[in-house]
């Protein structure tokens, strides 16, 4: 059994096991094994919960190609916090402080703020139902304004319904506004993640307004369950918050694992927050 170097990286407590594969055969083996082996790999690493595995590969025209597997081994198109941790890892290995990273969803700019936070770009939100993807007919009610998230009423269980907004940030998101912060288990999160309206499942973020330009958020991630933070979810929440009039072109998102800032000016969004990498690990493939 081959052993490769890996490192724990996290952004606001949203932690992943990173493999920075300099050799093509290592990248090929990780790609082959990750769908079935990710649960075993992350269970074998100490230091707290891991939400998945991220493979970094050298690639033409970008600093690294970034591939994400969720905790259950399913593929994730993009991970905002993972991108920021990848930027920290790239800086430690290559000395690069700004550049481009490629995910399955888009090309992302990254750089470092004067205060040490890491900034990455995410693509503009997508509202087209086919591209989210969203099966509108499976919702109890669905409405969409032009260039705005889908407003949905979704049946969950025992006569309960949930109102939320659907969009894609390169991966599918459902943002559920609440009056107050939820206590305990997130209401119907697993049912919404696997709802028939979302054929590829969905990341579910519950949000509540704290004050002007600031919200609280808890996220139940597709394939990983509730996580300490979700970067692409924070971006989706920012799009919805602006749609609801909760913010202008800047939003602060308070999550259990820390604080993220979303900048909404221009075509792309910018996700800003802390990220770190930890000690080297040995991963047995």
Protein backbone atom coordinates (compact mmCIF):
# COMPACT_ATOMS: atom_id res chain seq x y z
CA UNK A 1 0.00 0.00 0.00
CA UNK A 2 1.48 3.33 -1.09
CA UNK A 3 1.93 6.18 1.40
CA UNK A 4 1.80 9.82 0.29
CA UNK A 5 2.25 13.15 2.06
CA UNK A 6 -0.86 15.07 3.02
CA UNK A 7 -1.67 18.11 5.14
CA UNK A 8 -4.68 19.28 7.08
CA UNK A 9 -6.01 22.66 5.91
CA UNK A 10 -9.00 24.66 7.06
CA UNK A 11 -10.91 27.88 6.63
CA UNK A 12 -13.11 28.90 9.58
CA UNK A 13 -13.10 25.33 10.86
CA UNK A 14 -14.18 23.85 7.51
CA UNK A 15 -11.30 21.36 7.36
CA UNK A 16 -9.99 19.10 4.59
CA UNK A 17 -7.14 16.70 4.01
CA UNK A 18 -4.99 18.09 1.17
CA UNK A 19 -2.79 16.04 -1.14
CA UNK A 20 -0.46 18.29 -3.16
CA UNK A 21 0.49 15.81 -5.87
CA UNK A 22 3.72 16.71 -7.63
CA UNK A 23 3.75 13.31 -9.37
CA UNK A 24 1.08 12.41 -11.92
CA UNK A 25 0.81 8.81 -10.73
CA UNK A 26 -0.06 10.00 -7.21
CA UNK A 27 -2.82 12.24 -8.56
CA UNK A 28 -4.14 9.37 -10.66
CA UNK A 29 -4.27 7.05 -7.63
CA UNK A 30 -6.04 9.63 -5.49
CA UNK A 31 -8.62 10.21 -8.23
CA UNK A 32 -9.15 6.46 -8.58
CA UNK A 33 -9.52 5.75 -4.86
CA UNK A 34 -11.10 8.90 -3.40
CA UNK A 35 -14.76 8.06 -4.15
CA UNK A 36 -14.55 4.87 -2.08
CA UNK A 37 -11.67 5.69 0.29
CA UNK A 38 -12.33 9.27 1.45
CA UNK A 39 -14.33 8.18 4.55
CA UNK A 40 -11.44 5.90 5.60
CA UNK A 41 -8.78 8.50 4.87
CA UNK A 42 -10.36 11.27 6.92
CA UNK A 43 -11.21 8.92 9.78
CA UNK A 44 -7.53 7.98 10.07
CA UNK A 45 -6.29 11.53 10.67
CA UNK A 46 -6.33 13.03 14.16
CA UNK A 47 -6.81 16.64 15.17
CA UNK A 48 -10.57 16.94 14.79
CA UNK A 49 -13.23 16.54 12.17
CA UNK A 50 -12.41 16.60 8.46
CA UNK A 51 -15.06 17.42 5.86
CA UNK A 52 -13.40 15.75 2.88
CA UNK A 53 -10.30 15.41 0.72
CA UNK A 54 -8.85 17.95 -1.72
CA UNK A 55 -6.36 17.04 -4.45
CA UNK A 56 -4.02 19.72 -5.80
CA UNK A 57 -2.28 19.16 -9.14
CA UNK A 58 0.12 21.25 -11.20
CA UNK A 59 -1.64 22.45 -14.33
CA UNK A 60 -1.03 24.70 -17.30
CA UNK A 61 -2.13 28.34 -16.92
CA UNK A 62 -3.07 27.99 -13.23
CA UNK A 63 -1.07 27.50 -10.03
CA UNK A 64 -3.05 24.36 -9.11
CA UNK A 65 -6.03 22.33 -10.27
CA UNK A 66 -8.27 21.74 -7.24
CA UNK A 67 -10.49 18.64 -6.97
CA UNK A 68 -12.83 18.13 -4.01
CA UNK A 69 -14.40 15.01 -2.49
CA UNK A 70 -16.96 15.40 0.27
CA UNK A 71 -16.83 13.35 3.47
CA UNK A 72 -18.93 10.57 1.92
CA UNK A 73 -16.68 10.35 -1.16
CA UNK A 74 -19.03 12.22 -3.50
CA UNK A 75 -17.52 14.85 -5.75
CA UNK A 76 -17.85 18.55 -4.94
CA UNK A 77 -17.54 21.04 -7.79
CA UNK A 78 -16.06 23.81 -5.66
CA UNK A 79 -15.20 24.58 -2.03
CA UNK A 80 -14.66 28.23 -1.11
CA UNK A 81 -12.93 27.55 2.20
CA UNK A 82 -10.89 24.79 0.58
CA UNK A 83 -9.71 27.21 -2.11
CA UNK A 84 -8.52 29.65 0.54
CA UNK A 85 -6.65 26.92 2.43
CA UNK A 86 -5.17 25.76 -0.89
CA UNK A 87 -3.83 29.28 -1.41
CA UNK A 88 -2.07 29.11 1.98
CA UNK A 89 -0.58 25.74 1.08
CA UNK A 90 0.61 26.99 -2.31
CA UNK A 91 2.25 29.99 -0.65
CA UNK A 92 4.10 27.71 1.79
CA UNK A 93 5.30 25.37 -0.97
CA UNK A 94 5.95 27.74 -3.89
CA UNK A 95 6.13 31.18 -2.29
CA UNK A 96 3.26 32.34 -4.53
CA UNK A 97 1.11 35.09 -3.00
CA UNK A 98 -1.35 35.64 -5.85
CA UNK A 99 -2.51 33.72 -8.88
CA UNK A 100 -5.18 31.44 -10.28
CA UNK A 101 -6.67 28.18 -9.03
CA UNK A 102 -8.96 25.98 -11.13
CA UNK A 103 -11.89 24.00 -9.73
CA UNK A 104 -14.49 21.89 -11.51
CA UNK A 105 -16.69 25.01 -11.49
CA UNK A 106 -14.45 27.91 -12.55
CA UNK A 107 -11.10 29.66 -12.53
CA UNK A 108 -10.57 31.49 -9.23
CA UNK A 109 -8.25 34.40 -8.42
CA UNK A 110 -6.55 34.27 -5.04
CA UNK A 111 -4.49 36.69 -3.00
CA UNK A 112 -3.64 37.75 0.55
CA UNK A 113 -5.02 40.78 2.37
CA UNK A 114 -2.78 43.06 4.44
CA UNK A 115 -4.34 41.62 7.61
CA UNK A 116 -3.41 38.05 6.62
CA UNK A 117 -6.83 36.94 5.44
CA UNK A 118 -7.12 35.05 2.17
CA UNK A 119 -9.34 36.26 -0.69
CA UNK A 120 -10.62 34.06 -3.52
CA UNK A 121 -13.05 34.81 -6.32
CA UNK A 122 -16.14 32.75 -7.04
CA UNK A 123 -18.09 32.88 -10.31
CA UNK A 124 -21.31 34.86 -10.69
CA UNK A 125 -24.42 33.12 -9.35
CA UNK A 126 -26.45 30.96 -11.71
CA UNK A 127 -30.26 31.08 -11.58
CA UNK A 128 -31.09 28.89 -14.59
CA UNK A 129 -32.98 25.84 -13.26
CA UNK A 130 -31.26 23.36 -15.56
CA UNK A 131 -27.82 24.55 -14.51
CA UNK A 132 -28.46 24.59 -10.75
CA UNK A 133 -29.87 21.85 -11.30
CA UNK A 134 -33.43 22.32 -10.01
CA UNK A 135 -36.56 20.28 -10.77
CA UNK A 136 -39.14 23.04 -10.41
CA UNK A 137 -42.03 20.58 -10.69
CA UNK A 138 -41.00 18.86 -7.45
CA UNK A 139 -41.52 22.04 -5.41
CA UNK A 140 -44.86 22.80 -3.78
CA UNK A 141 -44.47 26.31 -5.16
CA UNK A 142 -41.75 27.95 -7.25
CA UNK A 143 -41.29 31.51 -8.45
CA UNK A 144 -38.39 33.24 -10.16
CA UNK A 145 -37.80 36.87 -11.00
CA UNK A 146 -35.39 37.68 -13.80
CA UNK A 147 -31.76 37.49 -12.64
CA UNK A 148 -32.76 36.41 -9.13
CA UNK A 149 -32.73 33.20 -7.08
CA UNK A 150 -35.68 30.83 -7.30
CA UNK A 151 -38.08 31.29 -4.40
CA UNK A 152 -39.32 27.82 -3.41
CA UNK A 153 -41.79 26.27 -1.02
CA UNK A 154 -40.70 22.69 -0.38
CA UNK A 155 -42.65 19.97 1.38
CA UNK A 156 -40.48 18.10 3.88
CA UNK A 157 -42.29 15.69 6.25
CA UNK A 158 -45.49 15.37 8.27
CA UNK A 159 -47.06 18.35 6.57
CA UNK A 160 -44.11 20.66 7.17
CA UNK A 161 -42.77 23.01 4.51
CA UNK A 162 -39.64 25.13 4.13
CA UNK A 163 -39.26 28.38 2.21
CA UNK A 164 -35.91 28.94 0.58
CA UNK A 165 -34.02 30.36 -2.37
CA UNK A 166 -32.21 28.17 -4.90
CA UNK A 167 -29.18 29.11 -6.99
CA UNK A 168 -25.78 27.78 -8.00
CA UNK A 169 -22.34 29.12 -7.12
CA UNK A 170 -20.77 26.41 -9.27
CA UNK A 171 -22.46 23.95 -6.89
CA UNK A 172 -26.15 23.87 -5.89
CA UNK A 173 -27.37 25.86 -2.88
CA UNK A 174 -30.63 26.37 -1.01
CA UNK A 175 -30.70 29.37 1.34
CA UNK A 176 -33.40 29.27 4.03
CA UNK A 177 -34.08 32.60 5.80
CA UNK A 178 -35.10 32.39 9.47
CA UNK A 179 -36.31 34.92 12.01
CA UNK A 180 -33.82 33.76 14.64
CA UNK A 181 -30.78 31.49 14.98
CA UNK A 182 -31.80 27.81 15.11
CA UNK A 183 -31.13 25.91 18.32
CA UNK A 184 -29.90 22.33 18.17
CA UNK A 185 -30.33 20.21 15.06
CA UNK A 186 -31.00 22.15 11.87
CA UNK A 187 -34.69 21.74 10.94
CA UNK A 188 -35.27 19.20 8.14
CA UNK A 189 -31.74 19.77 6.80
CA UNK A 190 -31.16 16.19 5.65
CA UNK A 191 -34.60 16.08 4.01
CA UNK A 192 -33.89 19.29 2.12
CA UNK A 193 -30.40 18.14 1.07
CA UNK A 194 -31.93 15.10 -0.64
CA UNK A 195 -35.21 16.72 -1.76
CA UNK A 196 -36.56 15.60 -5.14
CA UNK A 197 -36.32 19.20 -6.35
CA UNK A 198 -32.52 18.82 -6.37
CA UNK A 199 -31.49 15.85 -8.54
CA UNK A 200 -27.82 16.23 -7.52
CA UNK A 201 -28.68 17.07 -3.88
CA UNK A 202 -28.07 20.53 -2.46
CA UNK A 203 -26.11 22.46 0.18
CA UNK A 204 -28.61 23.92 2.66
CA UNK A 205 -27.76 27.16 4.49
CA UNK A 206 -29.97 28.60 7.22
CA UNK A 207 -29.51 32.36 7.61
CA UNK A 208 -30.84 35.05 9.93
CA UNK A 209 -30.27 38.79 9.98
CA UNK A 210 -28.08 40.16 12.78
CA UNK A 211 -27.96 43.80 11.68
CA UNK A 212 -27.42 45.79 8.50
CA UNK A 213 -24.83 44.02 6.37
CA UNK A 214 -24.34 41.11 8.79
CA UNK A 215 -26.02 37.71 9.04
CA UNK A 216 -25.64 34.45 10.91
CA UNK A 217 -25.38 31.19 8.99
CA UNK A 218 -25.34 27.45 9.63
CA UNK A 219 -24.89 25.06 6.72
CA UNK A 220 -25.71 21.40 6.12
CA UNK A 221 -23.35 20.50 3.29
CA UNK A 222 -24.15 18.02 0.58
CA UNK A 223 -22.27 14.81 1.35
CA UNK A 224 -20.76 16.05 4.62
CA UNK A 225 -23.58 17.09 6.98
CA UNK A 226 -23.39 20.23 9.09
CA UNK A 227 -19.97 21.88 8.90
CA UNK A 228 -18.34 24.66 10.91
CA UNK A 229 -18.47 26.95 7.87
CA UNK A 230 -19.25 26.92 4.16
CA UNK A 231 -17.58 29.42 1.84
CA UNK A 232 -19.64 28.87 -1.30
CA UNK A 233 -22.69 28.79 0.98
CA UNK A 234 -21.73 32.18 2.39
CA UNK A 235 -21.53 33.51 -1.17
CA UNK A 236 -24.95 32.05 -1.99
CA UNK A 237 -26.34 33.59 1.20
CA UNK A 238 -24.87 36.96 0.20
CA UNK A 239 -26.66 36.83 -3.15
CA UNK A 240 -29.93 36.05 -1.39
CA UNK A 241 -29.30 38.67 1.31
CA UNK A 242 -28.83 41.35 -1.33
CA UNK A 243 -31.99 40.14 -3.10
CA UNK A 244 -33.89 40.52 0.21
CA UNK A 245 -32.43 43.97 0.88
CA UNK A 246 -30.33 42.83 3.85
CA UNK A 247 -27.07 44.18 2.40
CA UNK A 248 -25.57 46.17 -0.45
CA UNK A 249 -22.26 45.09 -2.00
CA UNK A 250 -20.65 43.74 1.17
CA UNK A 251 -21.86 41.17 3.69
CA UNK A 252 -20.31 39.80 6.87
CA UNK A 253 -21.31 36.19 7.54
CA UNK A 254 -20.95 34.84 11.08
CA UNK A 255 -20.69 31.04 11.17
CA UNK A 256 -19.91 28.60 14.01
CA UNK A 257 -16.30 28.31 12.82
CA UNK A 258 -15.61 32.00 12.21
CA UNK A 259 -16.36 35.09 10.17
CA UNK A 260 -16.31 35.50 6.39
CA UNK A 261 -16.65 38.65 4.33
CA UNK A 262 -18.35 38.57 0.93
CA UNK A 263 -17.77 41.33 -1.62
CA UNK A 264 -20.43 41.41 -4.32
CA UNK A 265 -19.20 44.16 -6.66
CA UNK A 266 -18.43 43.30 -10.28
CA UNK A 267 -19.13 40.11 -12.18
CA UNK A 268 -17.57 37.69 -9.67
CA UNK A 269 -17.91 37.47 -5.91
CA UNK A 270 -14.94 37.64 -3.56
CA UNK A 271 -14.76 35.46 -0.45
CA UNK A 272 -12.43 36.74 2.28
CA UNK A 273 -11.49 35.14 5.57
CA UNK A 274 -8.85 33.28 7.59
CA UNK A 275 -7.29 30.01 6.48
CA UNK A 276 -4.49 27.84 7.85
CA UNK A 277 -2.60 24.64 7.15
CA UNK A 278 -1.38 22.20 9.79
CA UNK A 279 1.27 19.55 10.22
CA UNK A 280 2.17 17.04 7.54
CA UNK A 281 0.37 13.70 7.62
CA UNK A 282 1.10 10.35 6.00
CA UNK A 283 -1.84 9.08 3.98
CA UNK A 284 -2.01 5.38 3.18
CA UNK A 285 -3.71 4.96 -0.16
